[in-house]
Amino acid sequence: MIIEWYETSKRILHKKTVGGIPVTLKFLNRNPDLKDGDILWQDQHTAIVIEIKPCECIVITPGNMLEAAAVCYEIGNRHLPLFYEANELLIPFESPIHNLLSAVGYSLKIEERKLKSRFKTTVLPHAGNRYR
Protein backbone atom coordinates (compact mmCIF):
# COMPACT_ATOMS: atom_id res chain seq x y z
CA MET A 1 0.00 0.00 0.00
CA ILE A 2 1.60 3.25 -1.12
CA ILE A 3 1.20 6.24 1.20
CA GLU A 4 2.55 9.80 1.31
CA TRP A 5 5.03 10.77 4.05
CA TYR A 6 2.42 12.92 5.83
CA GLU A 7 0.00 9.97 6.01
CA THR A 8 2.32 7.95 8.28
CA SER A 9 0.84 9.60 11.38
CA LYS A 10 -2.83 9.82 10.40
CA ARG A 11 -5.21 8.23 12.88
CA ILE A 12 -7.75 7.27 10.21
CA LEU A 13 -6.60 6.39 6.72
CA HIS A 14 -8.56 5.08 3.74
CA LYS A 15 -6.38 3.72 0.92
CA LYS A 16 -6.26 1.02 -1.72
CA THR A 17 -3.43 -1.41 -2.21
CA VAL A 18 -1.56 -1.59 -5.51
CA GLY A 19 -3.80 -4.58 -6.29
CA GLY A 20 -6.96 -2.55 -5.61
CA ILE A 21 -7.90 -3.94 -2.18
CA PRO A 22 -9.56 -1.23 -0.06
CA VAL A 23 -7.91 -0.80 3.35
CA THR A 24 -9.06 1.33 6.29
CA LEU A 25 -6.69 1.94 9.19
CA LYS A 26 -8.03 3.30 12.47
CA PHE A 27 -5.76 4.19 15.39
CA LEU A 28 -8.20 5.64 17.90
CA ASN A 29 -6.15 5.49 21.12
CA ARG A 30 -2.72 6.54 19.82
CA ASN A 31 -0.93 8.16 16.92
CA PRO A 32 0.41 5.63 14.44
CA ASP A 33 4.01 5.67 13.37
CA LEU A 34 3.85 3.77 10.10
CA LYS A 35 7.22 2.91 8.58
CA ASP A 36 8.33 1.94 5.10
CA GLY A 37 8.17 -1.86 5.03
CA ASP A 38 5.62 -2.31 7.84
CA ILE A 39 3.48 -5.38 7.25
CA LEU A 40 -0.19 -4.59 7.93
CA TRP A 41 -1.57 -7.98 7.02
CA GLN A 42 -0.22 -11.24 5.65
CA ASP A 43 -1.44 -14.70 4.79
CA GLN A 44 0.11 -17.52 2.73
CA HIS A 45 -0.52 -15.75 -0.59
CA THR A 46 -0.81 -12.02 0.06
CA ALA A 47 0.87 -9.32 2.11
CA ILE A 48 -0.18 -5.70 2.59
CA VAL A 49 3.01 -3.72 3.16
CA ILE A 50 3.50 0.01 3.70
CA GLU A 51 5.54 1.81 1.06
CA ILE A 52 6.24 5.50 1.50
CA LYS A 53 6.06 7.34 -1.81
CA PRO A 54 9.13 9.44 -2.67
CA CYS A 55 8.59 13.20 -2.86
CA GLU A 56 10.59 16.27 -3.77
CA CYS A 57 12.84 17.19 -0.83
CA ILE A 58 15.37 19.76 0.20
CA VAL A 59 18.51 17.85 1.18
CA ILE A 60 20.96 19.60 3.51
CA THR A 61 24.34 18.16 4.45
CA PRO A 62 25.60 20.28 7.37
CA GLY A 63 29.37 20.83 7.45
CA ASN A 64 29.57 20.84 11.25
CA MET A 65 27.47 20.77 14.43
CA LEU A 66 27.00 24.55 14.51
CA GLU A 67 25.61 24.54 10.97
CA ALA A 68 23.35 21.58 11.80
CA ALA A 69 22.02 23.39 14.87
CA ALA A 70 21.37 26.58 12.89
CA VAL A 71 19.53 24.72 10.13
CA CYS A 72 17.46 22.80 12.67
CA TYR A 73 16.58 26.06 14.41
CA GLU A 74 15.41 27.68 11.15
CA ILE A 75 13.32 24.65 10.23
CA GLY A 76 11.90 24.18 13.74
CA ASN A 77 11.10 27.87 14.08
CA ARG A 78 8.78 27.46 11.11
CA HIS A 79 7.23 24.26 12.53
CA LEU A 80 8.24 22.26 9.46
CA PRO A 81 8.74 18.49 9.60
CA LEU A 82 12.38 17.45 9.69
CA PHE A 83 13.81 14.09 8.67
CA TYR A 84 17.28 12.63 9.16
CA GLU A 85 19.04 10.06 7.01
CA ALA A 86 22.74 9.22 6.58
CA ASN A 87 24.07 12.54 7.98
CA GLU A 88 21.61 14.54 5.87
CA LEU A 89 18.68 16.67 6.94
CA LEU A 90 15.60 16.37 4.73
CA ILE A 91 12.49 18.50 4.53
CA PRO A 92 9.62 18.35 2.05
CA PHE A 93 10.24 20.94 -0.65
CA GLU A 94 8.73 24.36 0.00
CA SER A 95 9.95 27.32 -2.00
CA PRO A 96 10.07 29.85 0.90
CA ILE A 97 12.33 27.70 3.12
CA HIS A 98 14.48 26.75 0.12
CA ASN A 99 14.95 30.44 -0.71
CA LEU A 100 15.76 31.30 2.92
CA LEU A 101 18.31 28.52 3.38
CA SER A 102 19.90 29.31 0.00
CA ALA A 103 20.15 33.02 0.86
CA VAL A 104 21.88 32.20 4.15
CA GLY A 105 24.41 30.16 2.20
CA TYR A 106 23.69 26.55 3.07
CA SER A 107 24.57 23.91 0.50
CA LEU A 108 21.26 22.47 -0.68
CA LYS A 109 20.15 19.84 -3.15
CA ILE A 110 16.66 19.07 -4.38
CA GLU A 111 16.04 15.35 -4.80
CA GLU A 112 13.26 12.78 -4.89
CA ARG A 113 13.48 10.87 -1.59
CA LYS A 114 11.39 8.79 0.76
CA LEU A 115 10.88 10.73 3.98
CA LYS A 116 11.20 7.93 6.53
CA SER A 117 13.09 8.98 9.68
CA ARG A 118 11.17 11.89 11.17
CA PHE A 119 12.68 13.65 14.17
CA LYS A 120 10.58 13.18 17.27
CA THR A 121 10.22 15.98 19.79
CA THR A 122 9.39 15.90 23.46
CA VAL A 123 7.17 18.96 23.23
CA LEU A 124 3.51 18.36 23.95
CA PRO A 125 1.56 20.42 21.43
CA HIS A 126 -1.01 22.72 23.02
CA ALA A 127 -0.88 20.85 26.32
CA GLY A 128 -1.77 23.93 28.32
CA ASN A 129 -0.15 24.93 31.59
CA ARG A 130 -0.08 21.52 33.26
CA TYR A 131 3.27 22.08 34.98
CA ARG A 132 2.54 25.12 37.16
C-alpha atoms as a PDB file:
ATOM      1  CA  MET A   1       0.000   0.000   0.000  1.00  0.00           C
ATOM      2  CA  ILE A   2       1.604   3.253  -1.122  1.00  0.00           C
ATOM      3  CA  ILE A   3       1.198   6.240   1.195  1.00  0.00           C
ATOM      4  CA  GLU A   4       2.547   9.797   1.309  1.00  0.00           C
ATOM      5  CA  TRP A   5       5.027  10.773   4.049  1.00  0.00           C
ATOM      6  CA  TYR A   6       2.421  12.915   5.828  1.00  0.00           C
ATOM      7  CA  GLU A   7      -0.004   9.970   6.014  1.00  0.00           C
ATOM      8  CA  THR A   8       2.320   7.951   8.282  1.00  0.00           C
ATOM      9  CA  SER A   9       0.840   9.596  11.381  1.00  0.00           C
ATOM     10  CA  LYS A  10      -2.834   9.824  10.400  1.00  0.00           C
ATOM     11  CA  ARG A  11      -5.208   8.231  12.882  1.00  0.00           C
ATOM     12  CA  ILE A  12      -7.751   7.270  10.213  1.00  0.00           C
ATOM     13  CA  LEU A  13      -6.596   6.392   6.716  1.00  0.00           C
ATOM     14  CA  HIS A  14      -8.564   5.078   3.740  1.00  0.00           C
ATOM     15  CA  LYS A  15      -6.383   3.722   0.920  1.00  0.00           C
ATOM     16  CA  LYS A  16      -6.257   1.024  -1.721  1.00  0.00           C
ATOM     17  CA  THR A  17      -3.427  -1.413  -2.212  1.00  0.00           C
ATOM     18  CA  VAL A  18      -1.557  -1.586  -5.506  1.00  0.00           C
ATOM     19  CA  GLY A  19      -3.798  -4.584  -6.288  1.00  0.00           C
ATOM     20  CA  GLY A  20      -6.959  -2.545  -5.610  1.00  0.00           C
ATOM     21  CA  ILE A  21      -7.898  -3.944  -2.184  1.00  0.00           C
ATOM     22  CA  PRO A  22      -9.559  -1.228  -0.056  1.00  0.00           C
ATOM     23  CA  VAL A  23      -7.910  -0.797   3.353  1.00  0.00           C
ATOM     24  CA  THR A  24      -9.057   1.330   6.294  1.00  0.00           C
ATOM     25  CA  LEU A  25      -6.694   1.941   9.186  1.00  0.00           C
ATOM     26  CA  LYS A  26      -8.027   3.299  12.475  1.00  0.00           C
ATOM     27  CA  PHE A  27      -5.763   4.185  15.388  1.00  0.00           C
ATOM     28  CA  LEU A  28      -8.196   5.638  17.902  1.00  0.00           C
ATOM     29  CA  ASN A  29      -6.151   5.488  21.117  1.00  0.00           C
ATOM     30  CA  ARG A  30      -2.723   6.538  19.820  1.00  0.00           C
ATOM     31  CA  ASN A  31      -0.931   8.157  16.917  1.00  0.00           C
ATOM     32  CA  PRO A  32       0.410   5.628  14.443  1.00  0.00           C
ATOM     33  CA  ASP A  33       4.005   5.668  13.369  1.00  0.00           C
ATOM     34  CA  LEU A  34       3.847   3.770  10.097  1.00  0.00           C
ATOM     35  CA  LYS A  35       7.219   2.911   8.585  1.00  0.00           C
ATOM     36  CA  ASP A  36       8.329   1.944   5.105  1.00  0.00           C
ATOM     37  CA  GLY A  37       8.165  -1.860   5.031  1.00  0.00           C
ATOM     38  CA  ASP A  38       5.619  -2.305   7.844  1.00  0.00           C
ATOM     39  CA  ILE A  39       3.475  -5.379   7.246  1.00  0.00           C
ATOM     40  CA  LEU A  40      -0.189  -4.587   7.928  1.00  0.00           C
ATOM     41  CA  TRP A  41      -1.575  -7.981   7.023  1.00  0.00           C
ATOM     42  CA  GLN A  42      -0.223 -11.238   5.654  1.00  0.00           C
ATOM     43  CA  ASP A  43      -1.435 -14.700   4.788  1.00  0.00           C
ATOM     44  CA  GLN A  44       0.105 -17.523   2.735  1.00  0.00           C
ATOM     45  CA  HIS A  45      -0.525 -15.745  -0.585  1.00  0.00           C
ATOM     46  CA  THR A  46      -0.814 -12.019   0.064  1.00  0.00           C
ATOM     47  CA  ALA A  47       0.865  -9.317   2.109  1.00  0.00           C
ATOM     48  CA  ILE A  48      -0.179  -5.702   2.588  1.00  0.00           C
ATOM     49  CA  VAL A  49       3.013  -3.724   3.156  1.00  0.00           C
ATOM     50  CA  ILE A  50       3.505   0.013   3.701  1.00  0.00           C
ATOM     51  CA  GLU A  51       5.545   1.805   1.056  1.00  0.00           C
ATOM     52  CA  ILE A  52       6.239   5.505   1.496  1.00  0.00           C
ATOM     53  CA  LYS A  53       6.062   7.340  -1.812  1.00  0.00           C
ATOM     54  CA  PRO A  54       9.126   9.443  -2.665  1.00  0.00           C
ATOM     55  CA  CYS A  55       8.592  13.200  -2.857  1.00  0.00           C
ATOM     56  CA  GLU A  56      10.588  16.274  -3.771  1.00  0.00           C
ATOM     57  CA  CYS A  57      12.841  17.190  -0.833  1.00  0.00           C
ATOM     58  CA  ILE A  58      15.368  19.763   0.198  1.00  0.00           C
ATOM     59  CA  VAL A  59      18.512  17.847   1.177  1.00  0.00           C
ATOM     60  CA  ILE A  60      20.965  19.601   3.506  1.00  0.00           C
ATOM     61  CA  THR A  61      24.343  18.159   4.455  1.00  0.00           C
ATOM     62  CA  PRO A  62      25.604  20.280   7.366  1.00  0.00           C
ATOM     63  CA  GLY A  63      29.367  20.832   7.446  1.00  0.00           C
ATOM     64  CA  ASN A  64      29.572  20.845  11.255  1.00  0.00           C
ATOM     65  CA  MET A  65      27.474  20.771  14.428  1.00  0.00           C
ATOM     66  CA  LEU A  66      26.998  24.555  14.509  1.00  0.00           C
ATOM     67  CA  GLU A  67      25.610  24.539  10.974  1.00  0.00           C
ATOM     68  CA  ALA A  68      23.352  21.576  11.796  1.00  0.00           C
ATOM     69  CA  ALA A  69      22.017  23.389  14.871  1.00  0.00           C
ATOM     70  CA  ALA A  70      21.371  26.583  12.895  1.00  0.00           C
ATOM     71  CA  VAL A  71      19.533  24.724  10.126  1.00  0.00           C
ATOM     72  CA  CYS A  72      17.458  22.797  12.670  1.00  0.00           C
ATOM     73  CA  TYR A  73      16.578  26.065  14.410  1.00  0.00           C
ATOM     74  CA  GLU A  74      15.415  27.678  11.153  1.00  0.00           C
ATOM     75  CA  ILE A  75      13.319  24.647  10.233  1.00  0.00           C
ATOM     76  CA  GLY A  76      11.900  24.182  13.736  1.00  0.00           C
ATOM     77  CA  ASN A  77      11.104  27.869  14.083  1.00  0.00           C
ATOM     78  CA  ARG A  78       8.777  27.459  11.106  1.00  0.00           C
ATOM     79  CA  HIS A  79       7.226  24.264  12.529  1.00  0.00           C
ATOM     80  CA  LEU A  80       8.239  22.256   9.461  1.00  0.00           C
ATOM     81  CA  PRO A  81       8.741  18.488   9.598  1.00  0.00           C
ATOM     82  CA  LEU A  82      12.380  17.452   9.692  1.00  0.00           C
ATOM     83  CA  PHE A  83      13.811  14.093   8.671  1.00  0.00           C
ATOM     84  CA  TYR A  84      17.276  12.634   9.161  1.00  0.00           C
ATOM     85  CA  GLU A  85      19.036  10.060   7.010  1.00  0.00           C
ATOM     86  CA  ALA A  86      22.736   9.219   6.582  1.00  0.00           C
ATOM     87  CA  ASN A  87      24.068  12.542   7.976  1.00  0.00           C
ATOM     88  CA  GLU A  88      21.612  14.541   5.874  1.00  0.00           C
ATOM     89  CA  LEU A  89      18.679  16.674   6.944  1.00  0.00           C
ATOM     90  CA  LEU A  90      15.602  16.369   4.727  1.00  0.00           C
ATOM     91  CA  ILE A  91      12.490  18.499   4.527  1.00  0.00           C
ATOM     92  CA  PRO A  92       9.620  18.353   2.052  1.00  0.00           C
ATOM     93  CA  PHE A  93      10.236  20.939  -0.651  1.00  0.00           C
ATOM     94  CA  GLU A  94       8.734  24.361  -0.005  1.00  0.00           C
ATOM     95  CA  SER A  95       9.949  27.321  -2.000  1.00  0.00           C
ATOM     96  CA  PRO A  96      10.070  29.852   0.899  1.00  0.00           C
ATOM     97  CA  ILE A  97      12.330  27.695   3.124  1.00  0.00           C
ATOM     98  CA  HIS A  98      14.482  26.750   0.117  1.00  0.00           C
ATOM     99  CA  ASN A  99      14.946  30.445  -0.710  1.00  0.00           C
ATOM    100  CA  LEU A 100      15.758  31.302   2.922  1.00  0.00           C
ATOM    101  CA  LEU A 101      18.311  28.521   3.384  1.00  0.00           C
ATOM    102  CA  SER A 102      19.896  29.312   0.003  1.00  0.00           C
ATOM    103  CA  ALA A 103      20.146  33.015   0.863  1.00  0.00           C
ATOM    104  CA  VAL A 104      21.875  32.195   4.153  1.00  0.00           C
ATOM    105  CA  GLY A 105      24.412  30.162   2.195  1.00  0.00           C
ATOM    106  CA  TYR A 106      23.692  26.549   3.074  1.00  0.00           C
ATOM    107  CA  SER A 107      24.570  23.913   0.503  1.00  0.00           C
ATOM    108  CA  LEU A 108      21.265  22.472  -0.681  1.00  0.00           C
ATOM    109  CA  LYS A 109      20.153  19.836  -3.150  1.00  0.00           C
ATOM    110  CA  ILE A 110      16.665  19.072  -4.380  1.00  0.00           C
ATOM    111  CA  GLU A 111      16.044  15.348  -4.805  1.00  0.00           C
ATOM    112  CA  GLU A 112      13.256  12.781  -4.891  1.00  0.00           C
ATOM    113  CA  ARG A 113      13.479  10.875  -1.591  1.00  0.00           C
ATOM    114  CA  LYS A 114      11.393   8.791   0.759  1.00  0.00           C
ATOM    115  CA  LEU A 115      10.879  10.734   3.985  1.00  0.00           C
ATOM    116  CA  LYS A 116      11.195   7.929   6.529  1.00  0.00           C
ATOM    117  CA  SER A 117      13.089   8.978   9.681  1.00  0.00           C
ATOM    118  CA  ARG A 118      11.175  11.893  11.166  1.00  0.00           C
ATOM    119  CA  PHE A 119      12.682  13.652  14.170  1.00  0.00           C
ATOM    120  CA  LYS A 120      10.577  13.176  17.271  1.00  0.00           C
ATOM    121  CA  THR A 121      10.224  15.980  19.788  1.00  0.00           C
ATOM    122  CA  THR A 122       9.392  15.898  23.461  1.00  0.00           C
ATOM    123  CA  VAL A 123       7.174  18.957  23.233  1.00  0.00           C
ATOM    124  CA  LEU A 124       3.509  18.359  23.953  1.00  0.00           C
ATOM    125  CA  PRO A 125       1.565  20.416  21.430  1.00  0.00           C
ATOM    126  CA  HIS A 126      -1.014  22.719  23.019  1.00  0.00           C
ATOM    127  CA  ALA A 127      -0.878  20.846  26.324  1.00  0.00           C
ATOM    128  CA  GLY A 128      -1.766  23.933  28.315  1.00  0.00           C
ATOM    129  CA  ASN A 129      -0.151  24.928  31.592  1.00  0.00           C
ATOM    130  CA  ARG A 130      -0.085  21.520  33.260  1.00  0.00           C
ATOM    131  CA  TYR A 131       3.272  22.079  34.985  1.00  0.00           C
ATOM    132  CA  ARG A 132       2.541  25.117  37.156  1.00  0.00           C
END
